[in-house]
C-alpha atoms as a PDB file:
ATOM      1  CA  UNK A   1     -68.282 -51.576 113.503  1.00  0.00           C
ATOM      2  CA  UNK A   2     -69.586 -54.285 111.523  1.00  0.00           C
ATOM      3  CA  UNK A   3     -73.475 -54.459 111.316  1.00  0.00           C
ATOM      4  CA  UNK A   4     -75.263 -55.499 114.346  1.00  0.00           C
ATOM      5  CA  UNK A   5     -72.567 -54.330 116.337  1.00  0.00           C
ATOM      6  CA  UNK A   6     -74.044 -51.380 118.178  1.00  0.00           C
ATOM      7  CA  UNK A   7     -77.267 -53.476 118.625  1.00  0.00           C
ATOM      8  CA  UNK A   8     -75.669 -55.681 121.193  1.00  0.00           C
ATOM      9  CA  UNK A   9     -75.657 -59.270 118.907  1.00  0.00           C
ATOM     10  CA  UNK A  10     -73.929 -61.874 119.932  1.00  0.00           C
ATOM     11  CA  UNK A  11     -73.928 -63.957 117.159  1.00  0.00           C
ATOM     12  CA  UNK A  12     -72.334 -63.530 112.949  1.00  0.00           C
ATOM     13  CA  UNK A  13     -72.053 -65.570 110.538  1.00  0.00           C
ATOM     14  CA  UNK A  14     -70.151 -65.015 106.992  1.00  0.00           C
ATOM     15  CA  UNK A  15     -70.712 -66.095 103.778  1.00  0.00           C
ATOM     16  CA  UNK A  16     -69.535 -66.385 100.227  1.00  0.00           C
ATOM     17  CA  UNK A  17     -69.864 -66.170  97.255  1.00  0.00           C
ATOM     18  CA  UNK A  18     -68.184 -67.926  94.128  1.00  0.00           C
ATOM     19  CA  UNK A  19     -70.195 -66.084  90.699  1.00  0.00           C
ATOM     20  CA  UNK A  20     -73.311 -68.738  91.226  1.00  0.00           C
ATOM     21  CA  UNK A  21     -74.213 -68.875  94.792  1.00  0.00           C
ATOM     22  CA  UNK A  22     -73.477 -68.063  98.446  1.00  0.00           C
ATOM     23  CA  UNK A  23     -71.796 -70.638 100.507  1.00  0.00           C
ATOM     24  CA  UNK A  24     -71.596 -70.514 104.635  1.00  0.00           C
ATOM     25  CA  UNK A  25     -68.748 -69.872 106.094  1.00  0.00           C
ATOM     26  CA  UNK A  26     -69.436 -72.331 109.039  1.00  0.00           C
ATOM     27  CA  UNK A  27     -66.787 -71.985 112.686  1.00  0.00           C
ATOM     28  CA  UNK A  28     -65.445 -74.660 114.590  1.00  0.00           C
ATOM     29  CA  UNK A  29     -66.228 -74.817 118.435  1.00  0.00           C
ATOM     30  CA  UNK A  30     -63.948 -77.005 118.812  1.00  0.00           C
ATOM     31  CA  UNK A  31     -65.717 -80.638 117.327  1.00  0.00           C
ATOM     32  CA  UNK A  32     -68.995 -79.090 117.504  1.00  0.00           C
ATOM     33  CA  UNK A  33     -69.394 -76.714 114.985  1.00  0.00           C
ATOM     34  CA  UNK A  34     -70.939 -73.340 114.930  1.00  0.00           C
ATOM     35  CA  UNK A  35     -73.617 -72.090 112.739  1.00  0.00           C
ATOM     36  CA  UNK A  36     -77.166 -70.532 112.391  1.00  0.00           C
ATOM     37  CA  UNK A  37     -79.165 -72.778 110.879  1.00  0.00           C
ATOM     38  CA  UNK A  38     -78.201 -76.373 110.862  1.00  0.00           C
ATOM     39  CA  UNK A  39     -75.662 -77.644 108.492  1.00  0.00           C
ATOM     40  CA  UNK A  40     -77.193 -80.726 107.150  1.00  0.00           C
ATOM     41  CA  UNK A  41     -79.424 -78.858 104.895  1.00  0.00           C
ATOM     42  CA  UNK A  42     -76.115 -77.155 103.425  1.00  0.00           C
ATOM     43  CA  UNK A  43     -74.420 -78.485 100.406  1.00  0.00           C
ATOM     44  CA  UNK A  44     -71.352 -77.332 101.270  1.00  0.00           C
ATOM     45  CA  UNK A  45     -70.131 -75.710 104.326  1.00  0.00           C
ATOM     46  CA  UNK A  46     -66.621 -74.041 105.326  1.00  0.00           C
ATOM     47  CA  UNK A  47     -65.232 -74.753 107.802  1.00  0.00           C
ATOM     48  CA  UNK A  48     -62.433 -72.104 109.819  1.00  0.00           C
ATOM     49  CA  UNK A  49     -61.672 -72.102 113.769  1.00  0.00           C
ATOM     50  CA  UNK A  50     -63.172 -69.897 116.134  1.00  0.00           C
ATOM     51  CA  UNK A  51     -61.917 -70.982 119.662  1.00  0.00           C
ATOM     52  CA  UNK A  52     -62.130 -67.497 121.532  1.00  0.00           C
ATOM     53  CA  UNK A  53     -61.514 -65.074 118.114  1.00  0.00           C
ATOM     54  CA  UNK A  54     -62.633 -62.414 117.987  1.00  0.00           C
ATOM     55  CA  UNK A  55     -65.176 -60.810 115.468  1.00  0.00           C
ATOM     56  CA  UNK A  56     -61.568 -59.757 113.230  1.00  0.00           C
ATOM     57  CA  UNK A  57     -59.854 -61.980 113.839  1.00  0.00           C
ATOM     58  CA  UNK A  58     -62.889 -64.348 112.236  1.00  0.00           C
ATOM     59  CA  UNK A  59     -63.291 -61.835 109.175  1.00  0.00           C
ATOM     60  CA  UNK A  60     -59.918 -62.198 108.679  1.00  0.00           C
ATOM     61  CA  UNK A  61     -59.731 -65.710 108.427  1.00  0.00           C
ATOM     62  CA  UNK A  62     -62.237 -66.197 106.630  1.00  0.00           C
ATOM     63  CA  UNK A  63     -61.217 -63.251 104.090  1.00  0.00           C
ATOM     64  CA  UNK A  64     -58.302 -65.594 103.805  1.00  0.00           C
ATOM     65  CA  UNK A  65     -60.276 -68.691 103.042  1.00  0.00           C
ATOM     66  CA  UNK A  66     -61.811 -66.621 100.064  1.00  0.00           C
ATOM     67  CA  UNK A  67     -58.395 -65.343  99.407  1.00  0.00           C
ATOM     68  CA  UNK A  68     -57.782 -69.287  98.938  1.00  0.00           C
ATOM     69  CA  UNK A  69     -60.302 -70.250  96.414  1.00  0.00           C
ATOM     70  CA  UNK A  70     -60.042 -66.748  94.473  1.00  0.00           C
ATOM     71  CA  UNK A  71     -55.872 -67.934  94.168  1.00  0.00           C
ATOM     72  CA  UNK A  72     -57.282 -71.495  92.574  1.00  0.00           C
ATOM     73  CA  UNK A  73     -59.265 -69.766  90.283  1.00  0.00           C
ATOM     74  CA  UNK A  74     -62.397 -71.261  92.107  1.00  0.00           C
ATOM     75  CA  UNK A  75     -65.334 -69.298  91.105  1.00  0.00           C
ATOM     76  CA  UNK A  76     -67.232 -68.055  88.035  1.00  0.00           C
ATOM     77  CA  UNK A  77     -66.484 -65.725  86.474  1.00  0.00           C
ATOM     78  CA  UNK A  78     -69.953 -64.822  85.003  1.00  0.00           C
ATOM     79  CA  UNK A  79     -68.864 -62.487  82.345  1.00  0.00           C
ATOM     80  CA  UNK A  80     -66.744 -64.967  80.415  1.00  0.00           C
ATOM     81  CA  UNK A  81     -68.230 -68.571  81.158  1.00  0.00           C
ATOM     82  CA  UNK A  82     -69.338 -70.564  78.150  1.00  0.00           C
ATOM     83  CA  UNK A  83     -73.061 -71.750  78.480  1.00  0.00           C
ATOM     84  CA  UNK A  84     -75.225 -73.908  76.100  1.00  0.00           C
ATOM     85  CA  UNK A  85     -78.415 -73.590  75.417  1.00  0.00           C
ATOM     86  CA  UNK A  86     -80.099 -76.242  76.438  1.00  0.00           C
ATOM     87  CA  UNK A  87     -83.451 -76.672  74.609  1.00  0.00           C
ATOM     88  CA  UNK A  88     -81.448 -75.242  70.787  1.00  0.00           C
ATOM     89  CA  UNK A  89     -77.920 -76.102  71.707  1.00  0.00           C
ATOM     90  CA  UNK A  90     -76.087 -72.856  70.767  1.00  0.00           C
ATOM     91  CA  UNK A  91     -73.365 -72.075  72.111  1.00  0.00           C
ATOM     92  CA  UNK A  92     -73.706 -68.581  74.534  1.00  0.00           C
ATOM     93  CA  UNK A  93     -70.794 -66.404  75.873  1.00  0.00           C
ATOM     94  CA  UNK A  94     -71.623 -64.606  79.313  1.00  0.00           C
ATOM     95  CA  UNK A  95     -74.493 -64.378  81.699  1.00  0.00           C
ATOM     96  CA  UNK A  96     -75.331 -61.362  79.116  1.00  0.00           C
ATOM     97  CA  UNK A  97     -75.233 -63.794  76.084  1.00  0.00           C
ATOM     98  CA  UNK A  98     -77.446 -65.854  78.467  1.00  0.00           C
ATOM     99  CA  UNK A  99     -79.868 -63.117  78.948  1.00  0.00           C
ATOM    100  CA  UNK A 100     -80.344 -62.299  75.130  1.00  0.00           C
ATOM    101  CA  UNK A 101     -80.504 -65.409  73.888  1.00  0.00           C
ATOM    102  CA  UNK A 102     -83.434 -65.939  76.616  1.00  0.00           C
ATOM    103  CA  UNK A 103     -85.086 -62.491  76.076  1.00  0.00           C
ATOM    104  CA  UNK A 104     -85.117 -63.591  71.702  1.00  0.00           C
ATOM    105  CA  UNK A 105     -85.918 -67.145  72.068  1.00  0.00           C
ATOM    106  CA  UNK A 106     -87.661 -67.678  75.517  1.00  0.00           C
ATOM    107  CA  UNK A 107     -85.106 -70.851  76.697  1.00  0.00           C
ATOM    108  CA  UNK A 108     -84.985 -70.787  79.766  1.00  0.00           C
ATOM    109  CA  UNK A 109     -82.533 -73.609  80.528  1.00  0.00           C
ATOM    110  CA  UNK A 110     -78.620 -73.572  80.174  1.00  0.00           C
ATOM    111  CA  UNK A 111     -75.543 -75.206  81.156  1.00  0.00           C
ATOM    112  CA  UNK A 112     -72.163 -74.830  81.659  1.00  0.00           C
ATOM    113  CA  UNK A 113     -70.030 -76.322  78.796  1.00  0.00           C
END
């Protein structure tokens, strides 16, 4: 049983985490996107059809979508990605390297290489 089912909630929402941020997975009912908040406010909308889907079926589609993104390596491996400090230009390895550099220098502006 999913969260909220025992309370009789009638809406569901799926989020996909890519290692850096969350994207909402929208559901499509015919020509209309179904979401709990305005889709215009979202940078990325990932859509699955929701025509008469049970919660289990919708979850399976959402997991299949996540698997597709994972298989295409469309995520950020925060342990192994390369960063550069935009203050001093030093190259860094992973989020731990950025955190250590920030603690040592007070620098807090980084970008992926």
